[in-house]
Amino acid sequence: MAESFLTIMAEYCEADQQRISVWYDALQQAGFTGRQTPGLRHHISLASYPLEKETEAVEIIKRVGQRFAPVEVAIRHIGVLPGGKTLVAAPDMSLQLSALQAACGDKMVHGYPWLPHTTMLIDETETLAAALPTLMRAFVPLQTKIDRLRLCAFWPTREIACVELTGEE
């Protein structure tokens, strides 16, 4: 499959990668493997761009990384996205998270209104319904920190750039 789009992702810090992995690993160990992209770090997608905007997207994440400090995010919800095929852990909306997203792109991501979330499982609705109790047992609300942005092309996954959030805002 040829690359078809770019995504700017807000990644959680290393300690929070480990804590979020507890939820993801519980699903995997229970046999819920899904169709989500393998090998990605836990993240919130902030913006998407067509492939021809790669240079512009690299400049955006560099500029945003220099402008923003790490962002605190309270992940306190689990749910299913519209369409019924994506099980997620979702953060509370905050002014800082909204500002970070707005600095990276418009309010549409992959053709849908932006809805901050971290994907846990992509599968058929019936599989998500079966997996939900496993996630509920493993899930505990977390106060997390986003400390970097990553730009990737998909599919296959190609990392283009990664920048730390080092600013003051």
Protein backbone atom coordinates (compact mmCIF):
# COMPACT_ATOMS: atom_id res chain seq x y z
CA MET A 1 0.00 0.00 0.00
CA ALA A 2 1.40 3.41 -0.95
CA GLU A 3 1.64 6.31 1.45
CA SER A 4 -1.50 8.41 1.35
CA PHE A 5 -1.37 11.06 4.12
CA LEU A 6 0.65 12.75 6.88
CA THR A 7 -0.29 12.96 10.55
CA ILE A 8 1.05 15.18 13.33
CA MET A 9 0.88 13.29 16.62
CA ALA A 10 1.28 14.55 20.19
CA GLU A 11 3.19 11.88 22.11
CA TYR A 12 3.10 11.18 25.81
CA CYS A 13 6.33 11.26 27.81
CA GLU A 14 8.24 8.02 28.37
CA ALA A 15 6.83 7.38 31.87
CA ASP A 16 3.29 7.82 30.56
CA GLN A 17 4.00 5.57 27.57
CA GLN A 18 4.61 2.82 30.14
CA ARG A 19 1.46 3.62 32.13
CA ILE A 20 -0.79 3.72 29.05
CA SER A 21 0.78 0.48 27.81
CA VAL A 22 -0.80 -1.30 30.79
CA TRP A 23 -4.22 -0.75 29.19
CA TYR A 24 -3.08 -1.68 25.70
CA ASP A 25 -1.21 -4.76 26.94
CA ALA A 26 -4.29 -5.96 28.87
CA LEU A 27 -6.25 -5.97 25.61
CA GLN A 28 -3.46 -7.72 23.71
CA GLN A 29 -3.02 -10.38 26.41
CA ALA A 30 -6.77 -11.05 26.34
CA GLY A 31 -6.51 -11.77 22.60
CA PHE A 32 -7.80 -8.43 21.27
CA THR A 33 -5.14 -7.55 18.72
CA GLY A 34 -7.14 -5.36 16.33
CA ARG A 35 -6.14 -3.55 13.15
CA GLN A 36 -4.49 -0.44 14.62
CA THR A 37 -1.13 0.58 13.17
CA PRO A 38 1.56 -1.52 14.90
CA GLY A 39 4.61 0.02 16.50
CA LEU A 40 3.29 3.52 17.12
CA ARG A 41 3.94 5.19 20.44
CA HIS A 42 0.81 6.21 22.37
CA HIS A 43 -0.35 9.57 21.08
CA ILE A 44 -3.16 11.96 20.24
CA SER A 45 -3.46 12.79 16.53
CA LEU A 46 -3.52 16.57 16.14
CA ALA A 47 -3.61 17.21 12.39
CA SER A 48 -3.50 15.52 9.02
CA TYR A 49 -2.10 16.76 5.74
CA PRO A 50 -1.81 15.51 2.18
CA LEU A 51 1.59 14.06 1.25
CA GLU A 52 2.52 17.09 -0.87
CA LYS A 53 2.47 19.26 2.30
CA GLU A 54 5.38 17.39 3.94
CA THR A 55 7.78 20.37 3.98
CA GLU A 56 5.08 22.62 5.41
CA ALA A 57 4.16 20.03 8.08
CA VAL A 58 7.82 19.71 9.15
CA GLU A 59 8.00 23.50 9.55
CA ILE A 60 4.77 23.48 11.56
CA ILE A 61 5.98 20.95 14.12
CA LYS A 62 9.33 22.74 14.48
CA ARG A 63 7.58 26.06 15.08
CA VAL A 64 5.01 24.54 17.47
CA GLY A 65 7.73 22.65 19.37
CA GLN A 66 9.60 25.89 19.99
CA ARG A 67 6.41 27.70 21.03
CA PHE A 68 4.75 25.22 23.42
CA ALA A 69 5.86 23.76 26.73
CA PRO A 70 4.90 20.17 27.56
CA VAL A 71 1.13 19.82 27.90
CA GLU A 72 -0.56 18.22 30.91
CA VAL A 73 -3.42 15.91 29.89
CA ALA A 74 -5.91 14.16 32.20
CA ILE A 75 -7.02 10.89 30.60
CA ARG A 76 -10.24 10.09 32.42
CA HIS A 77 -12.54 8.50 29.85
CA ILE A 78 -12.83 5.40 27.72
CA GLY A 79 -15.25 4.99 24.86
CA VAL A 80 -15.95 4.13 21.27
CA LEU A 81 -15.60 6.62 18.42
CA PRO A 82 -18.48 7.26 16.03
CA GLY A 83 -18.68 4.41 13.55
CA GLY A 84 -18.20 1.84 16.30
CA LYS A 85 -14.81 0.49 15.21
CA THR A 86 -12.32 2.32 17.48
CA LEU A 87 -11.98 1.81 21.24
CA VAL A 88 -10.19 4.74 22.87
CA ALA A 89 -8.88 6.32 26.05
CA ALA A 90 -9.78 10.00 25.94
CA PRO A 91 -8.46 13.07 27.73
CA ASP A 92 -10.43 15.91 29.20
CA MET A 93 -10.48 18.85 26.84
CA SER A 94 -8.27 21.68 28.04
CA LEU A 95 -7.32 25.09 26.74
CA GLN A 96 -3.66 24.04 26.45
CA LEU A 97 -4.46 20.86 24.48
CA SER A 98 -6.86 22.77 22.22
CA ALA A 99 -4.25 25.47 21.61
CA LEU A 100 -1.63 22.83 20.72
CA GLN A 101 -4.01 21.22 18.24
CA ALA A 102 -5.02 24.55 16.70
CA ALA A 103 -1.35 25.46 16.21
CA CYS A 104 -0.83 22.22 14.25
CA GLY A 105 -3.83 22.34 11.93
CA ASP A 106 -7.49 23.05 11.50
CA LYS A 107 -10.28 21.35 13.46
CA MET A 108 -10.59 18.56 10.88
CA VAL A 109 -8.33 15.48 11.15
CA HIS A 110 -8.60 12.83 8.44
CA GLY A 111 -11.83 14.46 7.30
CA TYR A 112 -13.54 14.38 10.72
CA PRO A 113 -13.88 17.03 13.43
CA TRP A 114 -10.94 16.73 15.85
CA LEU A 115 -11.73 14.56 18.86
CA PRO A 116 -8.72 14.00 21.13
CA HIS A 117 -8.17 10.34 21.92
CA THR A 118 -5.58 7.61 22.21
CA THR A 119 -6.49 4.52 20.21
CA MET A 120 -6.56 1.27 22.15
CA LEU A 121 -8.16 -1.05 19.59
CA ILE A 122 -9.51 -0.88 16.04
CA ASP A 123 -11.79 -3.78 15.13
CA GLU A 124 -15.40 -4.67 14.41
CA THR A 125 -18.08 -3.30 16.75
CA GLU A 126 -18.79 -6.73 18.23
CA THR A 127 -15.10 -7.23 19.06
CA LEU A 128 -14.92 -3.80 20.72
CA ALA A 129 -17.98 -4.67 22.81
CA ALA A 130 -16.27 -7.87 23.93
CA ALA A 131 -13.00 -6.02 24.66
CA LEU A 132 -14.56 -3.18 26.65
CA PRO A 133 -14.74 -5.09 29.99
CA THR A 134 -11.02 -5.94 29.69
CA LEU A 135 -10.13 -2.29 29.18
CA MET A 136 -12.46 -1.21 31.98
CA ARG A 137 -10.73 -3.56 34.43
CA ALA A 138 -7.27 -2.24 33.50
CA PHE A 139 -8.17 1.45 33.15
CA VAL A 140 -7.39 3.97 35.86
CA PRO A 141 -7.54 7.71 35.17
CA LEU A 142 -4.10 9.21 34.62
CA GLN A 143 -2.58 12.65 34.72
CA THR A 144 -0.18 12.55 31.77
CA LYS A 145 2.23 14.80 29.93
CA ILE A 146 2.69 15.31 26.20
CA ASP A 147 6.32 16.25 25.60
CA ARG A 148 6.90 15.89 21.84
CA LEU A 149 5.35 16.02 18.40
CA ARG A 150 5.97 13.42 15.71
CA LEU A 151 5.19 13.68 12.00
CA CYS A 152 4.63 10.43 10.11
CA ALA A 153 3.42 9.36 6.70
CA PHE A 154 1.06 6.39 6.48
CA TRP A 155 1.04 3.44 5.11
CA PRO A 156 3.49 1.96 5.54
CA THR A 157 4.50 4.11 8.50
CA ARG A 158 7.40 6.45 7.75
CA GLU A 159 8.68 8.75 10.49
CA ILE A 160 9.56 12.14 9.06
CA ALA A 161 10.33 14.32 12.08
CA CYS A 162 10.14 14.39 15.87
CA VAL A 163 10.48 17.52 18.02
CA GLU A 164 10.33 18.11 21.75
CA LEU A 165 8.02 20.73 23.20
CA THR A 166 10.52 23.26 24.57
CA GLY A 167 8.64 26.57 24.53
CA GLU A 168 6.99 28.67 27.19
CA GLU A 169 3.34 28.69 26.11
